[in-house]
């Protein structure tokens, strides 16, 4: 399955009027699982930021 979702888009290209019919704006609750890198298993392949 594929979902085309937008979350809190703003700026010149944010007008959704010309989007495909299946595009939808996500609520805070719908977007929450994707706002963290845990859903892609990032701990296994993303490096930690360097310490300054």
N, C-alpha and C. Protein backbone atom coordinates (compact mmCIF):
# COMPACT_ATOMS: atom_id res chain seq x y z
N UNK A 1 0.84 -1.19 0.00
CA UNK A 1 0.00 0.00 0.00
C UNK A 1 0.87 1.24 0.00
N UNK A 2 0.35 2.27 -0.57
CA UNK A 2 1.05 3.55 -0.62
C UNK A 2 0.09 4.65 -0.22
N UNK A 3 0.58 5.55 0.60
CA UNK A 3 -0.23 6.70 1.02
C UNK A 3 0.56 7.95 0.68
N UNK A 4 -0.07 8.89 0.00
CA UNK A 4 0.55 10.19 -0.26
C UNK A 4 -0.04 11.15 0.74
N UNK A 5 0.72 11.45 1.77
CA UNK A 5 0.23 12.34 2.81
C UNK A 5 1.13 13.55 2.97
N UNK A 6 0.54 14.66 3.28
CA UNK A 6 1.28 15.89 3.54
C UNK A 6 0.99 16.30 4.98
N UNK A 7 2.02 16.87 5.61
CA UNK A 7 1.85 17.27 7.00
C UNK A 7 2.36 18.68 7.20
N UNK A 8 1.46 19.54 7.57
CA UNK A 8 1.78 20.94 7.90
C UNK A 8 2.64 21.62 6.83
N UNK A 9 2.30 21.40 5.56
CA UNK A 9 3.02 22.04 4.47
C UNK A 9 2.67 23.52 4.42
N UNK A 10 3.66 24.34 4.08
CA UNK A 10 3.41 25.77 3.97
C UNK A 10 4.34 26.34 2.90
N UNK A 11 4.04 27.53 2.46
CA UNK A 11 4.85 28.18 1.45
C UNK A 11 4.17 28.16 0.10
N UNK A 12 4.87 28.60 -0.95
CA UNK A 12 4.27 28.76 -2.27
C UNK A 12 3.69 27.47 -2.86
N UNK A 13 4.28 26.33 -2.59
CA UNK A 13 3.79 25.08 -3.16
C UNK A 13 2.82 24.33 -2.27
N UNK A 14 2.36 24.94 -1.21
CA UNK A 14 1.53 24.24 -0.23
C UNK A 14 0.05 24.19 -0.59
N UNK A 15 -0.38 24.92 -1.60
CA UNK A 15 -1.79 24.90 -1.99
C UNK A 15 -2.14 23.52 -2.53
N UNK A 16 -3.05 22.83 -1.88
CA UNK A 16 -3.39 21.45 -2.25
C UNK A 16 -4.42 21.36 -3.36
N UNK A 17 -4.88 22.48 -3.88
CA UNK A 17 -5.95 22.48 -4.88
C UNK A 17 -5.60 21.67 -6.13
N UNK A 18 -4.35 21.64 -6.54
CA UNK A 18 -3.97 20.94 -7.76
C UNK A 18 -3.42 19.54 -7.52
N UNK A 19 -3.54 19.03 -6.33
CA UNK A 19 -2.99 17.70 -6.01
C UNK A 19 -3.86 16.59 -6.60
N UNK A 20 -3.26 15.41 -6.69
CA UNK A 20 -4.01 14.24 -7.12
C UNK A 20 -5.10 13.95 -6.10
N UNK A 21 -6.12 13.25 -6.52
CA UNK A 21 -7.29 13.00 -5.66
C UNK A 21 -6.95 12.19 -4.41
N UNK A 22 -5.95 11.32 -4.51
CA UNK A 22 -5.63 10.45 -3.37
C UNK A 22 -4.69 11.10 -2.36
N UNK A 23 -4.21 12.30 -2.61
CA UNK A 23 -3.36 13.00 -1.64
C UNK A 23 -4.23 13.50 -0.49
N UNK A 24 -3.68 13.47 0.69
CA UNK A 24 -4.45 13.95 1.84
C UNK A 24 -3.53 14.63 2.85
N UNK A 25 -4.10 15.54 3.58
CA UNK A 25 -3.38 16.21 4.66
C UNK A 25 -3.49 15.34 5.91
N UNK A 26 -2.36 15.09 6.54
CA UNK A 26 -2.34 14.26 7.74
C UNK A 26 -2.58 15.10 8.99
N UNK A 27 -3.28 14.52 9.93
CA UNK A 27 -3.47 15.16 11.24
C UNK A 27 -2.21 14.91 12.07
N UNK A 28 -2.11 15.59 13.20
CA UNK A 28 -0.99 15.35 14.11
C UNK A 28 -0.91 13.88 14.50
N UNK A 29 -2.04 13.30 14.79
CA UNK A 29 -2.08 11.90 15.22
C UNK A 29 -1.65 10.95 14.09
N UNK A 30 -2.08 11.22 12.86
CA UNK A 30 -1.71 10.37 11.74
C UNK A 30 -0.22 10.50 11.40
N UNK A 31 0.34 11.68 11.56
CA UNK A 31 1.74 11.92 11.22
C UNK A 31 2.71 11.45 12.30
N UNK A 32 2.26 11.35 13.53
CA UNK A 32 3.13 11.04 14.67
C UNK A 32 4.06 9.84 14.45
N UNK A 33 3.60 8.71 13.91
CA UNK A 33 4.52 7.57 13.75
C UNK A 33 5.67 7.85 12.79
N UNK A 34 5.52 8.82 11.90
CA UNK A 34 6.55 9.10 10.90
C UNK A 34 7.49 10.23 11.30
N UNK A 35 7.27 10.84 12.45
CA UNK A 35 8.09 11.97 12.88
C UNK A 35 9.31 11.53 13.67
N UNK A 36 9.52 10.26 13.78
CA UNK A 36 10.66 9.70 14.46
C UNK A 36 11.37 8.74 13.50
N UNK A 37 12.66 8.56 13.67
CA UNK A 37 13.39 7.63 12.81
C UNK A 37 13.24 6.18 13.26
N UNK A 38 12.52 5.93 14.34
CA UNK A 38 12.38 4.55 14.82
C UNK A 38 11.60 3.67 13.85
N UNK A 39 10.69 4.24 13.08
CA UNK A 39 9.89 3.41 12.18
C UNK A 39 10.70 2.83 11.02
N UNK A 40 11.90 3.37 10.74
CA UNK A 40 12.73 2.83 9.67
C UNK A 40 13.94 2.06 10.22
N UNK A 41 13.96 1.80 11.50
CA UNK A 41 15.08 1.07 12.11
C UNK A 41 16.39 1.84 12.00
N UNK A 42 16.33 3.14 12.16
CA UNK A 42 17.49 4.01 11.96
C UNK A 42 18.66 3.67 12.87
N UNK A 43 18.38 3.13 14.01
CA UNK A 43 19.46 2.80 14.94
C UNK A 43 20.46 1.84 14.30
N UNK A 44 20.00 1.05 13.35
CA UNK A 44 20.86 0.06 12.71
C UNK A 44 21.71 0.62 11.57
N UNK A 45 21.39 1.79 11.04
CA UNK A 45 22.16 2.27 9.89
C UNK A 45 22.47 3.76 9.88
N UNK A 46 21.84 4.57 10.70
CA UNK A 46 22.18 6.00 10.75
C UNK A 46 23.23 6.24 11.84
N UNK A 47 24.23 7.01 11.51
CA UNK A 47 25.26 7.34 12.49
C UNK A 47 24.75 8.41 13.45
N UNK A 48 25.23 8.35 14.67
CA UNK A 48 24.89 9.38 15.65
C UNK A 48 25.59 10.67 15.26
N UNK A 49 25.00 11.81 15.59
CA UNK A 49 25.67 13.08 15.30
C UNK A 49 26.97 13.18 16.10
N UNK A 50 27.98 13.83 15.54
CA UNK A 50 29.24 13.95 16.27
C UNK A 50 29.10 14.82 17.51
N UNK A 51 29.88 14.52 18.52
CA UNK A 51 29.90 15.34 19.73
C UNK A 51 30.81 16.54 19.49
N UNK A 52 30.38 17.68 19.95
CA UNK A 52 31.19 18.90 19.77
C UNK A 52 31.98 19.21 21.00
